[in-house]
C-alpha atoms as a PDB file:
ATOM      1  CA  MET A   1     120.366 145.172  96.983  1.00  0.00           C
ATOM      2  CA  ASP A   2     116.702 146.009  97.647  1.00  0.00           C
ATOM      3  CA  SER A   3     115.025 143.448  99.906  1.00  0.00           C
ATOM      4  CA  ASN A   4     112.363 142.824  97.254  1.00  0.00           C
ATOM      5  CA  ASP A   5     115.071 142.143  94.661  1.00  0.00           C
ATOM      6  CA  THR A   6     116.261 139.410  96.996  1.00  0.00           C
ATOM      7  CA  ARG A   7     112.783 138.193  97.947  1.00  0.00           C
ATOM      8  CA  TYR A   8     111.589 137.806  94.366  1.00  0.00           C
ATOM      9  CA  SER A   9     114.924 137.031  92.708  1.00  0.00           C
ATOM     10  CA  ARG A  10     113.841 133.576  91.508  1.00  0.00           C
ATOM     11  CA  GLN A  11     110.701 135.027  89.945  1.00  0.00           C
ATOM     12  CA  HIS A  12     112.801 137.712  88.260  1.00  0.00           C
ATOM     13  CA  LEU A  13     114.773 134.900  86.625  1.00  0.00           C
ATOM     14  CA  PHE A  14     111.585 133.236  85.390  1.00  0.00           C
ATOM     15  CA  LYS A  15     111.100 134.806  81.950  1.00  0.00           C
ATOM     16  CA  PRO A  16     107.273 134.953  81.923  1.00  0.00           C
ATOM     17  CA  ILE A  17     107.492 137.148  85.060  1.00  0.00           C
ATOM     18  CA  GLY A  18     110.818 139.005  85.200  1.00  0.00           C
ATOM     19  CA  LYS A  19     111.214 142.369  86.947  1.00  0.00           C
ATOM     20  CA  ALA A  20     108.530 144.042  84.831  1.00  0.00           C
ATOM     21  CA  GLY A  21     106.030 141.316  85.692  1.00  0.00           C
ATOM     22  CA  GLN A  22     106.938 141.556  89.339  1.00  0.00           C
ATOM     23  CA  LYS A  23     105.985 145.230  89.299  1.00  0.00           C
ATOM     24  CA  LYS A  24     102.615 144.275  87.786  1.00  0.00           C
ATOM     25  CA  LEU A  25     102.040 141.747  90.562  1.00  0.00           C
ATOM     26  CA  GLY A  26     102.886 144.398  93.143  1.00  0.00           C
ATOM     27  CA  LYS A  27     100.149 146.657  91.749  1.00  0.00           C
ATOM     28  CA  SER A  28      97.543 143.873  91.506  1.00  0.00           C
ATOM     29  CA  ARG A  29      94.461 143.546  93.691  1.00  0.00           C
ATOM     30  CA  ILE A  30      92.795 140.212  94.343  1.00  0.00           C
ATOM     31  CA  ALA A  31      90.259 138.596  96.665  1.00  0.00           C
ATOM     32  CA  ILE A  32      90.199 135.034  97.934  1.00  0.00           C
ATOM     33  CA  VAL A  33      86.741 133.939  99.086  1.00  0.00           C
ATOM     34  CA  GLY A  34      87.058 131.277 101.779  1.00  0.00           C
ATOM     35  CA  MET A  35      90.029 130.656 104.073  1.00  0.00           C
ATOM     36  CA  GLY A  36      89.695 126.918 104.414  1.00  0.00           C
ATOM     37  CA  ALA A  37      92.019 124.392 102.805  1.00  0.00           C
ATOM     38  CA  LEU A  38      92.118 125.867  99.292  1.00  0.00           C
ATOM     39  CA  GLY A  39      92.000 129.469 100.478  1.00  0.00           C
ATOM     40  CA  THR A  40      94.940 129.131 102.845  1.00  0.00           C
ATOM     41  CA  ALA A  41      97.056 127.362 100.219  1.00  0.00           C
ATOM     42  CA  ILE A  42      96.220 129.907  97.511  1.00  0.00           C
ATOM     43  CA  SER A  43      96.772 132.916  99.760  1.00  0.00           C
ATOM     44  CA  ASN A  44     100.168 131.524 100.746  1.00  0.00           C
ATOM     45  CA  HIS A  45     101.173 131.400  97.053  1.00  0.00           C
ATOM     46  CA  MET A  46      99.789 134.851  96.280  1.00  0.00           C
ATOM     47  CA  VAL A  47     101.447 136.571  99.230  1.00  0.00           C
ATOM     48  CA  ARG A  48     104.810 134.890  98.625  1.00  0.00           C
ATOM     49  CA  SER A  49     104.551 135.830  94.930  1.00  0.00           C
ATOM     50  CA  GLY A  50     104.245 139.512  95.833  1.00  0.00           C
ATOM     51  CA  VAL A  51     100.655 140.273  94.839  1.00  0.00           C
ATOM     52  CA  GLY A  52     100.293 143.765  96.267  1.00  0.00           C
ATOM     53  CA  PHE A  53      96.776 143.621  97.739  1.00  0.00           C
ATOM     54  CA  VAL A  54      95.092 140.444  98.958  1.00  0.00           C
ATOM     55  CA  ARG A  55      91.589 140.602 100.440  1.00  0.00           C
ATOM     56  CA  ILE A  56      90.562 137.474 102.333  1.00  0.00           C
ATOM     57  CA  ILE A  57      86.946 136.706 103.235  1.00  0.00           C
ATOM     58  CA  ASP A  58      85.691 133.953 105.553  1.00  0.00           C
ATOM     59  CA  ARG A  59      82.873 133.509 108.073  1.00  0.00           C
ATOM     60  CA  ASP A  60      84.286 130.519 110.007  1.00  0.00           C
ATOM     61  CA  PHE A  61      86.729 129.935 112.889  1.00  0.00           C
ATOM     62  CA  VAL A  62      89.696 127.576 113.294  1.00  0.00           C
ATOM     63  CA  GLU A  63      89.085 124.082 114.711  1.00  0.00           C
ATOM     64  CA  TYR A  64      91.455 121.192 115.323  1.00  0.00           C
ATOM     65  CA  SER A  65      89.902 119.241 112.439  1.00  0.00           C
ATOM     66  CA  ASN A  66      91.170 121.976 110.084  1.00  0.00           C
ATOM     67  CA  LEU A  67      94.848 121.487 110.913  1.00  0.00           C
ATOM     68  CA  GLN A  68      95.286 118.347 108.775  1.00  0.00           C
ATOM     69  CA  ARG A  69      94.929 120.333 105.537  1.00  0.00           C
ATOM     70  CA  GLN A  70      94.525 124.072 106.198  1.00  0.00           C
ATOM     71  CA  MET A  71      98.201 124.893 106.041  1.00  0.00           C
ATOM     72  CA  LEU A  72      98.321 128.406 107.545  1.00  0.00           C
ATOM     73  CA  PHE A  73      96.778 127.422 110.883  1.00  0.00           C
ATOM     74  CA  ASP A  74      98.291 125.897 114.017  1.00  0.00           C
ATOM     75  CA  GLU A  75      97.145 124.557 117.394  1.00  0.00           C
ATOM     76  CA  ASN A  76      97.258 127.996 118.990  1.00  0.00           C
ATOM     77  CA  ASP A  77      94.727 129.283 116.416  1.00  0.00           C
ATOM     78  CA  ALA A  78      92.417 126.352 117.182  1.00  0.00           C
ATOM     79  CA  ASP A  79      92.782 126.775 120.978  1.00  0.00           C
ATOM     80  CA  GLN A  80      91.721 130.410 120.636  1.00  0.00           C
ATOM     81  CA  ALA A  81      89.013 129.564 118.062  1.00  0.00           C
ATOM     82  CA  LEU A  82      90.312 132.498 116.019  1.00  0.00           C
ATOM     83  CA  PRO A  83      88.307 133.574 112.990  1.00  0.00           C
ATOM     84  CA  LYS A  84      90.010 132.025 109.973  1.00  0.00           C
ATOM     85  CA  ALA A  85      90.380 135.368 108.208  1.00  0.00           C
ATOM     86  CA  ILE A  86      92.206 136.851 111.222  1.00  0.00           C
ATOM     87  CA  ALA A  87      94.412 133.807 111.811  1.00  0.00           C
ATOM     88  CA  ALA A  88      95.314 133.743 108.098  1.00  0.00           C
ATOM     89  CA  LYS A  89      96.098 137.472 108.039  1.00  0.00           C
ATOM     90  CA  ASN A  90      98.385 137.060 111.056  1.00  0.00           C
ATOM     91  CA  LYS A  91     100.390 134.337 109.300  1.00  0.00           C
ATOM     92  CA  LEU A  92     100.431 136.053 105.908  1.00  0.00           C
ATOM     93  CA  ASN A  93     101.740 139.293 107.445  1.00  0.00           C
ATOM     94  CA  LEU A  94     104.672 137.321 108.875  1.00  0.00           C
ATOM     95  CA  ILE A  95     105.374 135.798 105.449  1.00  0.00           C
ATOM     96  CA  ASN A  96     105.387 139.109 103.560  1.00  0.00           C
ATOM     97  CA  SER A  97     105.111 142.427 105.385  1.00  0.00           C
ATOM     98  CA  THR A  98     105.587 144.464 102.183  1.00  0.00           C
ATOM     99  CA  ILE A  99     102.085 143.817 100.830  1.00  0.00           C
ATOM    100  CA  THR A 100      98.575 144.562 102.110  1.00  0.00           C
ATOM    101  CA  VAL A 101      96.421 141.740 103.471  1.00  0.00           C
ATOM    102  CA  GLU A 102      92.876 142.839 104.265  1.00  0.00           C
ATOM    103  CA  ALA A 103      90.774 140.425 106.345  1.00  0.00           C
ATOM    104  CA  HIS A 104      86.971 140.323 106.470  1.00  0.00           C
ATOM    105  CA  VAL A 105      85.282 138.064 109.021  1.00  0.00           C
ATOM    106  CA  THR A 106      81.969 137.811 107.234  1.00  0.00           C
ATOM    107  CA  ASP A 107      79.711 135.733 105.070  1.00  0.00           C
ATOM    108  CA  LEU A 108      79.648 136.730 101.396  1.00  0.00           C
ATOM    109  CA  THR A 109      76.047 137.758 100.675  1.00  0.00           C
ATOM    110  CA  PRO A 110      74.145 139.653  97.961  1.00  0.00           C
ATOM    111  CA  LYS A 111      74.275 142.718 100.244  1.00  0.00           C
ATOM    112  CA  ASN A 112      78.058 142.890 100.537  1.00  0.00           C
ATOM    113  CA  ALA A 113      79.333 140.963  97.493  1.00  0.00           C
ATOM    114  CA  GLU A 114      79.932 143.931  95.191  1.00  0.00           C
ATOM    115  CA  ASP A 115      81.472 146.016  97.961  1.00  0.00           C
ATOM    116  CA  LEU A 116      83.964 143.207  98.645  1.00  0.00           C
ATOM    117  CA  LEU A 117      84.630 141.989  95.099  1.00  0.00           C
ATOM    118  CA  ALA A 118      83.966 144.661  92.476  1.00  0.00           C
ATOM    119  CA  ASP A 119      87.164 146.746  92.896  1.00  0.00           C
ATOM    120  CA  LEU A 120      89.612 143.954  92.037  1.00  0.00           C
ATOM    121  CA  ASP A 121      91.649 142.476  89.199  1.00  0.00           C
ATOM    122  CA  LEU A 122      90.851 138.857  90.075  1.00  0.00           C
ATOM    123  CA  ILE A 123      88.702 136.705  92.366  1.00  0.00           C
ATOM    124  CA  ILE A 124      89.831 133.244  93.485  1.00  0.00           C
ATOM    125  CA  ASP A 125      87.419 130.644  94.831  1.00  0.00           C
ATOM    126  CA  GLY A 126      88.284 128.924  98.098  1.00  0.00           C
ATOM    127  CA  THR A 127      84.677 128.334  99.149  1.00  0.00           C
ATOM    128  CA  ASP A 128      82.893 125.153 100.124  1.00  0.00           C
ATOM    129  CA  ASN A 129      79.450 125.632  98.587  1.00  0.00           C
ATOM    130  CA  PHE A 130      77.894 126.260  95.198  1.00  0.00           C
ATOM    131  CA  GLU A 131      75.548 129.085  96.148  1.00  0.00           C
ATOM    132  CA  THR A 132      78.482 131.319  97.073  1.00  0.00           C
ATOM    133  CA  ARG A 133      80.133 130.415  93.775  1.00  0.00           C
ATOM    134  CA  TYR A 134      77.013 131.476  91.852  1.00  0.00           C
ATOM    135  CA  LEU A 135      77.165 134.778  93.720  1.00  0.00           C
ATOM    136  CA  ILE A 136      80.866 135.210  92.852  1.00  0.00           C
ATOM    137  CA  ASN A 137      80.032 134.387  89.243  1.00  0.00           C
ATOM    138  CA  ASP A 138      77.335 137.086  89.099  1.00  0.00           C
ATOM    139  CA  VAL A 139      79.657 139.754  90.519  1.00  0.00           C
ATOM    140  CA  ALA A 140      82.516 138.695  88.235  1.00  0.00           C
ATOM    141  CA  ILE A 141      80.428 138.678  85.055  1.00  0.00           C
ATOM    142  CA  LYS A 142      78.678 141.954  85.887  1.00  0.00           C
ATOM    143  CA  ASN A 143      81.964 143.742  86.639  1.00  0.00           C
ATOM    144  CA  ASN A 144      84.097 141.999  83.994  1.00  0.00           C
ATOM    145  CA  ILE A 145      86.466 140.431  86.545  1.00  0.00           C
ATOM    146  CA  PRO A 146      88.168 137.062  85.881  1.00  0.00           C
ATOM    147  CA  TRP A 147      87.739 134.403  88.540  1.00  0.00           C
ATOM    148  CA  ILE A 148      89.103 130.929  89.170  1.00  0.00           C
ATOM    149  CA  TYR A 149      86.934 128.076  90.447  1.00  0.00           C
ATOM    150  CA  GLY A 150      88.364 125.254  92.531  1.00  0.00           C
ATOM    151  CA  GLY A 151      86.960 122.422  94.598  1.00  0.00           C
ATOM    152  CA  ALA A 152      88.265 119.329  96.363  1.00  0.00           C
ATOM    153  CA  VAL A 153      86.835 116.418  98.360  1.00  0.00           C
ATOM    154  CA  ALA A 154      88.262 113.023  99.289  1.00  0.00           C
ATOM    155  CA  SER A 155      91.158 112.585  96.798  1.00  0.00           C
ATOM    156  CA  ARG A 156      89.399 114.369  93.914  1.00  0.00           C
ATOM    157  CA  GLY A 157      89.680 117.940  92.735  1.00  0.00           C
ATOM    158  CA  MET A 158      88.491 120.217  89.952  1.00  0.00           C
ATOM    159  CA  THR A 159      89.348 123.672  88.673  1.00  0.00           C
ATOM    160  CA  PHE A 160      88.688 125.958  85.731  1.00  0.00           C
ATOM    161  CA  THR A 161      89.170 129.603  84.863  1.00  0.00           C
ATOM    162  CA  ILE A 162      86.360 131.999  83.947  1.00  0.00           C
ATOM    163  CA  ILE A 163      87.200 135.033  81.801  1.00  0.00           C
ATOM    164  CA  PRO A 164      84.084 137.198  81.211  1.00  0.00           C
ATOM    165  CA  ASN A 165      83.146 137.576  77.532  1.00  0.00           C
ATOM    166  CA  LYS A 166      85.715 134.928  76.526  1.00  0.00           C
ATOM    167  CA  THR A 167      84.988 131.647  78.307  1.00  0.00           C
ATOM    168  CA  PRO A 168      81.822 129.920  79.499  1.00  0.00           C
ATOM    169  CA  CYS A 169      80.875 131.136  82.958  1.00  0.00           C
ATOM    170  CA  PHE A 170      80.276 128.979  86.011  1.00  0.00           C
ATOM    171  CA  ARG A 171      76.533 128.912  85.444  1.00  0.00           C
ATOM    172  CA  CYS A 172      76.980 127.773  81.843  1.00  0.00           C
ATOM    173  CA  LEU A 173      78.500 124.563  83.162  1.00  0.00           C
ATOM    174  CA  PHE A 174      76.441 124.216  86.349  1.00  0.00           C
ATOM    175  CA  PRO A 175      73.043 125.808  85.647  1.00  0.00           C
ATOM    176  CA  GLU A 176      71.548 124.957  89.059  1.00  0.00           C
ATOM    177  CA  PRO A 177      72.907 123.790  92.427  1.00  0.00           C
ATOM    178  CA  SER A 178      72.576 120.130  93.317  1.00  0.00           C
ATOM    179  CA  ALA A 179      69.739 119.021  95.598  1.00  0.00           C
ATOM    180  CA  PRO A 180      70.391 119.163  99.363  1.00  0.00           C
ATOM    181  CA  GLY A 181      72.109 116.086 100.733  1.00  0.00           C
ATOM    182  CA  THR A 182      73.359 114.816  97.362  1.00  0.00           C
ATOM    183  CA  SER A 183      76.754 116.497  97.111  1.00  0.00           C
ATOM    184  CA  GLU A 184      79.801 115.210  98.964  1.00  0.00           C
ATOM    185  CA  THR A 185      81.582 117.409 101.492  1.00  0.00           C
ATOM    186  CA  CYS A 186      84.891 117.111 103.320  1.00  0.00           C
ATOM    187  CA  ASP A 187      82.946 116.486 106.522  1.00  0.00           C
ATOM    188  CA  THR A 188      81.053 113.510 105.101  1.00  0.00           C
ATOM    189  CA  SER A 189      83.578 112.017 102.659  1.00  0.00           C
ATOM    190  CA  GLY A 190      86.834 113.309 104.114  1.00  0.00           C
ATOM    191  CA  VAL A 191      89.729 114.857 102.222  1.00  0.00           C
ATOM    192  CA  ILE A 192      93.480 114.359 101.987  1.00  0.00           C
ATOM    193  CA  GLY A 193      95.868 117.292 102.091  1.00  0.00           C
ATOM    194  CA  PRO A 194      97.732 116.593  98.831  1.00  0.00           C
ATOM    195  CA  ILE A 195      94.649 117.099  96.619  1.00  0.00           C
ATOM    196  CA  ILE A 196      94.272 120.567  98.158  1.00  0.00           C
ATOM    197  CA  GLN A 197      97.810 121.473  97.178  1.00  0.00           C
ATOM    198  CA  VAL A 198      97.333 120.211  93.613  1.00  0.00           C
ATOM    199  CA  VAL A 199      94.147 122.208  92.997  1.00  0.00           C
ATOM    200  CA  ALA A 200      95.518 125.313  94.744  1.00  0.00           C
ATOM    201  CA  ALA A 201      98.733 125.136  92.691  1.00  0.00           C
ATOM    202  CA  TYR A 202      96.752 125.160  89.439  1.00  0.00           C
ATOM    203  CA  GLN A 203      94.544 128.010  90.676  1.00  0.00           C
ATOM    204  CA  ALA A 204      97.551 130.059  91.813  1.00  0.00           C
ATOM    205  CA  THR A 205      99.372 129.534  88.521  1.00  0.00           C
ATOM    206  CA  GLU A 206      96.335 130.623  86.519  1.00  0.00           C
ATOM    207  CA  ALA A 207      96.076 133.646  88.816  1.00  0.00           C
ATOM    208  CA  LEU A 208      99.635 134.715  88.020  1.00  0.00           C
ATOM    209  CA  LYS A 209      98.970 134.400  84.278  1.00  0.00           C
ATOM    210  CA  ILE A 210      95.863 136.587  84.548  1.00  0.00           C
ATOM    211  CA  LEU A 211      97.556 139.238  86.674  1.00  0.00           C
ATOM    212  CA  LEU A 212     100.406 139.373  84.150  1.00  0.00           C
ATOM    213  CA  ASN A 213      97.931 139.585  81.235  1.00  0.00           C
ATOM    214  CA  ASP A 214      99.331 136.355  79.772  1.00  0.00           C
ATOM    215  CA  TYR A 215      96.001 135.211  78.377  1.00  0.00           C
ATOM    216  CA  GLU A 216      97.715 133.211  75.662  1.00  0.00           C
ATOM    217  CA  HIS A 217      98.599 130.550  78.216  1.00  0.00           C
ATOM    218  CA  ILE A 218      95.346 130.480  80.185  1.00  0.00           C
ATOM    219  CA  ASN A 219      93.959 126.943  80.328  1.00  0.00           C
ATOM    220  CA  THR A 220      90.409 126.858  78.936  1.00  0.00           C
ATOM    221  CA  SER A 221      89.693 123.297  80.077  1.00  0.00           C
ATOM    222  CA  LEU A 222      87.903 121.949  83.097  1.00  0.00           C
ATOM    223  CA  ARG A 223      90.589 119.950  84.905  1.00  0.00           C
ATOM    224  CA  ASN A 224      89.789 116.905  87.040  1.00  0.00           C
ATOM    225  CA  PHE A 225      92.246 115.179  89.357  1.00  0.00           C
ATOM    226  CA  GLU A 226      91.940 111.882  91.257  1.00  0.00           C
ATOM    227  CA  LEU A 227      95.171 111.390  93.176  1.00  0.00           C
ATOM    228  CA  TRP A 228      94.470 108.111  94.950  1.00  0.00           C
ATOM    229  CA  HIS A 229      93.671 106.237  91.747  1.00  0.00           C
ATOM    230  CA  ASN A 230      96.172 108.177  89.627  1.00  0.00           C
ATOM    231  CA  GLU A 231      93.620 109.703  87.276  1.00  0.00           C
ATOM    232  CA  TYR A 232      93.722 113.048  85.466  1.00  0.00           C
ATOM    233  CA  SER A 233      91.465 114.418  82.763  1.00  0.00           C
ATOM    234  CA  GLU A 234      90.719 117.648  80.946  1.00  0.00           C
ATOM    235  CA  ILE A 235      87.390 118.534  79.365  1.00  0.00           C
ATOM    236  CA  ASN A 236      87.571 121.194  76.661  1.00  0.00           C
ATOM    237  CA  ILE A 237      84.870 123.715  77.578  1.00  0.00           C
ATOM    238  CA  LYS A 238      85.838 126.387  75.063  1.00  0.00           C
ATOM    239  CA  ASN A 239      82.546 125.898  73.195  1.00  0.00           C
ATOM    240  CA  ALA A 240      80.401 125.100  76.240  1.00  0.00           C
ATOM    241  CA  LYS A 241      78.877 128.569  76.598  1.00  0.00           C
ATOM    242  CA  ASN A 242      75.131 128.253  77.196  1.00  0.00           C
ATOM    243  CA  SER A 243      73.318 130.440  74.660  1.00  0.00           C
ATOM    244  CA  GLU A 244      70.546 130.973  77.245  1.00  0.00           C
ATOM    245  CA  CYS A 245      72.753 131.465  80.303  1.00  0.00           C
ATOM    246  CA  PRO A 246      70.982 133.857  82.700  1.00  0.00           C
ATOM    247  CA  ALA A 247      74.293 135.332  83.859  1.00  0.00           C
ATOM    248  CA  CYS A 248      76.737 135.797  80.985  1.00  0.00           C
ATOM    249  CA  ILE A 249      74.238 135.975  78.085  1.00  0.00           C
ATOM    250  CA  HIS A 250      71.128 137.632  79.525  1.00  0.00           C
ATOM    251  CA  HIS A 251      72.940 139.509  82.334  1.00  0.00           C
ATOM    252  CA  ASN A 252      70.209 138.517  84.736  1.00  0.00           C
ATOM    253  CA  TYR A 253      72.181 138.280  87.974  1.00  0.00           C
ATOM    254  CA  GLU A 254      69.705 136.253  89.995  1.00  0.00           C
ATOM    255  CA  TYR A 255      72.027 135.395  92.883  1.00  0.00           C
ATOM    256  CA  LEU A 256      73.407 138.925  93.225  1.00  0.00           C
ATOM    257  CA  ASN A 257      69.902 140.396  93.008  1.00  0.00           C
ATOM    258  CA  ASN A 258      68.753 137.864  95.609  1.00  0.00           C
ATOM    259  CA  LYS A 259      66.101 136.500  93.248  1.00  0.00           C
ATOM    260  CA  LYS A 260      67.588 133.022  93.247  1.00  0.00           C
ATOM    261  CA  LYS A 261      67.470 132.481  96.965  1.00  0.00           C
ATOM    262  CA  ASN A 262      67.212 128.748  97.548  1.00  0.00           C
ATOM    263  CA  LYS A 263      67.002 128.686 101.334  1.00  0.00           C
ATOM    264  CA  ARG A 264      65.071 130.469 104.046  1.00  0.00           C
ATOM    265  CA  ILE A 265      67.009 130.814 107.315  1.00  0.00           C
ATOM    266  CA  VAL A 266      65.226 131.690 110.561  1.00  0.00           C
ATOM    267  CA  SER A 267      66.544 131.850 114.117  1.00  0.00           C
ATOM    268  CA  LEU A 268      63.791 130.379 116.324  1.00  0.00           C
ATOM    269  CA  CYS A 269      63.238 132.689 119.258  1.00  0.00           C
ATOM    270  CA  GLY A 270      63.667 131.076 122.679  1.00  0.00           C
ATOM    271  CA  ARG A 271      64.656 127.667 121.310  1.00  0.00           C
ATOM    272  CA  GLU A 272      68.402 128.048 120.626  1.00  0.00           C
ATOM    273  CA  SER A 273      67.704 126.662 117.170  1.00  0.00           C
ATOM    274  CA  VAL A 274      67.946 127.789 113.568  1.00  0.00           C
ATOM    275  CA  GLN A 275      65.720 126.477 110.783  1.00  0.00           C
ATOM    276  CA  ILE A 276      67.076 126.262 107.243  1.00  0.00           C
ATOM    277  CA  SER A 277      64.508 125.341 104.651  1.00  0.00           C
ATOM    278  CA  PRO A 278      64.253 125.492 100.862  1.00  0.00           C
ATOM    279  CA  ILE A 279      62.113 128.244  99.364  1.00  0.00           C
ATOM    280  CA  GLU A 280      60.488 125.548  97.253  1.00  0.00           C
ATOM    281  CA  GLU A 281      59.975 122.068  98.670  1.00  0.00           C
ATOM    282  CA  THR A 282      63.010 119.999  97.707  1.00  0.00           C
ATOM    283  CA  PRO A 283      62.471 116.336  98.617  1.00  0.00           C
ATOM    284  CA  PHE A 284      65.588 114.245  99.096  1.00  0.00           C
ATOM    285  CA  ASP A 285      66.432 110.765 100.326  1.00  0.00           C
ATOM    286  CA  ILE A 286      67.156 111.160 104.026  1.00  0.00           C
ATOM    287  CA  ARG A 287      68.031 107.448 104.293  1.00  0.00           C
ATOM    288  CA  LYS A 288      70.981 107.895 101.916  1.00  0.00           C
ATOM    289  CA  LEU A 289      72.006 110.970 103.854  1.00  0.00           C
ATOM    290  CA  ALA A 290      71.791 109.009 107.108  1.00  0.00           C
ATOM    291  CA  GLU A 291      74.166 106.391 105.718  1.00  0.00           C
ATOM    292  CA  LYS A 292      76.602 109.112 104.702  1.00  0.00           C
ATOM    293  CA  LEU A 293      76.483 110.727 108.148  1.00  0.00           C
ATOM    294  CA  ARG A 294      76.517 107.547 110.223  1.00  0.00           C
ATOM    295  CA  HIS A 295      80.316 107.398 110.498  1.00  0.00           C
ATOM    296  CA  VAL A 296      80.554 111.094 111.421  1.00  0.00           C
ATOM    297  CA  GLY A 297      78.193 111.289 114.401  1.00  0.00           C
ATOM    298  CA  LYS A 298      75.219 109.675 116.123  1.00  0.00           C
ATOM    299  CA  ILE A 299      72.157 109.010 113.935  1.00  0.00           C
ATOM    300  CA  ILE A 300      68.595 108.458 115.146  1.00  0.00           C
ATOM    301  CA  GLU A 301      66.080 107.452 112.463  1.00  0.00           C
ATOM    302  CA  THR A 302      62.280 107.517 112.504  1.00  0.00           C
ATOM    303  CA  PRO A 303      59.834 107.086 109.632  1.00  0.00           C
ATOM    304  CA  TYR A 304      59.472 110.872 109.498  1.00  0.00           C
ATOM    305  CA  LEU A 305      62.960 112.329 110.012  1.00  0.00           C
ATOM    306  CA  ILE A 306      66.536 111.687 110.996  1.00  0.00           C
ATOM    307  CA  ARG A 307      68.393 113.303 113.862  1.00  0.00           C
ATOM    308  CA  PHE A 308      72.128 113.723 113.568  1.00  0.00           C
ATOM    309  CA  GLU A 309      74.271 114.608 116.583  1.00  0.00           C
ATOM    310  CA  VAL A 310      77.809 115.955 116.237  1.00  0.00           C
ATOM    311  CA  ASP A 311      79.828 117.789 118.898  1.00  0.00           C
ATOM    312  CA  ARG A 312      77.250 119.734 120.904  1.00  0.00           C
ATOM    313  CA  TYR A 313      74.825 120.253 118.018  1.00  0.00           C
ATOM    314  CA  LYS A 314      71.811 118.287 116.807  1.00  0.00           C
ATOM    315  CA  LEU A 315      70.473 118.472 113.254  1.00  0.00           C
ATOM    316  CA  THR A 316      66.915 117.325 112.624  1.00  0.00           C
ATOM    317  CA  ILE A 317      66.485 116.622 108.910  1.00  0.00           C
ATOM    318  CA  PHE A 318      63.093 116.248 107.226  1.00  0.00           C
ATOM    319  CA  PRO A 319      62.277 114.626 103.853  1.00  0.00           C
ATOM    320  CA  ASP A 320      61.074 117.973 102.436  1.00  0.00           C
ATOM    321  CA  GLY A 321      64.594 119.432 102.750  1.00  0.00           C
ATOM    322  CA  ARG A 322      63.976 121.325 105.976  1.00  0.00           C
ATOM    323  CA  VAL A 323      66.719 121.180 108.632  1.00  0.00           C
ATOM    324  CA  LEU A 324      66.491 122.288 112.268  1.00  0.00           C
ATOM    325  CA  ILE A 325      69.878 122.989 113.833  1.00  0.00           C
ATOM    326  CA  HIS A 326      69.703 122.808 117.617  1.00  0.00           C
ATOM    327  CA  GLY A 327      72.312 124.212 119.999  1.00  0.00           C
ATOM    328  CA  THR A 328      72.784 127.675 118.521  1.00  0.00           C
ATOM    329  CA  ASN A 329      70.929 130.845 117.575  1.00  0.00           C
ATOM    330  CA  ASP A 330      73.881 132.009 115.502  1.00  0.00           C
ATOM    331  CA  ILE A 331      72.925 131.914 111.836  1.00  0.00           C
ATOM    332  CA  THR A 332      76.576 131.840 110.728  1.00  0.00           C
ATOM    333  CA  ILE A 333      77.262 128.720 112.833  1.00  0.00           C
ATOM    334  CA  ALA A 334      74.061 127.131 111.533  1.00  0.00           C
ATOM    335  CA  LYS A 335      75.018 127.806 107.909  1.00  0.00           C
ATOM    336  CA  ASN A 336      78.468 126.325 108.530  1.00  0.00           C
ATOM    337  CA  LEU A 337      76.939 123.156 109.971  1.00  0.00           C
ATOM    338  CA  TYR A 338      74.469 122.893 107.094  1.00  0.00           C
ATOM    339  CA  THR A 339      77.217 123.320 104.511  1.00  0.00           C
ATOM    340  CA  LYS A 340      79.446 120.765 106.225  1.00  0.00           C
ATOM    341  CA  TYR A 341      76.920 117.975 106.627  1.00  0.00           C
ATOM    342  CA  ILE A 342      74.053 118.571 104.176  1.00  0.00           C
ATOM    343  CA  GLY A 343      76.053 120.137 101.327  1.00  0.00           C
END
């Protein structure tokens, strides 16, 4: 018996897949953006399912704090501070050597987004910030590629599937990103591993349906989960398409064309600091942010700013939305810190 007949035998027995479906999966090409908690769980499902080409994209490296929920990584990865994309590829190759896993240690940007995402059958979201999701949405809508959104924090999760020309797009439901400091992150509110697995399982299942062209069973609702308090809800978004949506109606891809840039990022020469500031002044309540960060690291407050210290870094946060990140000149590290603690 062929090794793949053995490997996928239980999927062959599952009627919606079968041997014909398995061949389709083997010819499919997908990307997973982000190799954190959701990305590692999703990639594990996709590789074990026999998806033939899996491109993984992540800018970050493995830390010990990741190991509680990012299921592909181990202590050796954290000790070496391996890039997450490389550490994930190493594990995924051991799980299934018959498929292609392509790793990119990079930040998804307007410059590289189409090169990395436009030649695929499906894009799956494993990111941790909305701006990257708007960029994915632009590429997906422009190139008529389905994509699957997912997010999780604390014990809550959310997911929905975007099919260009059929469903509302991401920007229909979330026209603009939330103000800095107002959204929760795993680094300020924590997260439990089980909610990751729930969201990733729904995303992976929707991915299989899309790759098998089983659009009849695609879920067109926005799903919300709250595991700790045993809550689940679905919001029917079938008719939620925004008639003035810049992306899917007017095909004005502001994030892809870099016209919707919300932040200016500058490495400050000679100061081992990076400044991240909004293009337009975006006031926010730094006192509320200070309360959120107080249990994560050391907080110093003045009438004019707050200073937050975590590990070897210091973040100076101003009421106009400007943040100075001290302790690095590396823009990628600075963006990671900003995403983790400001949102």
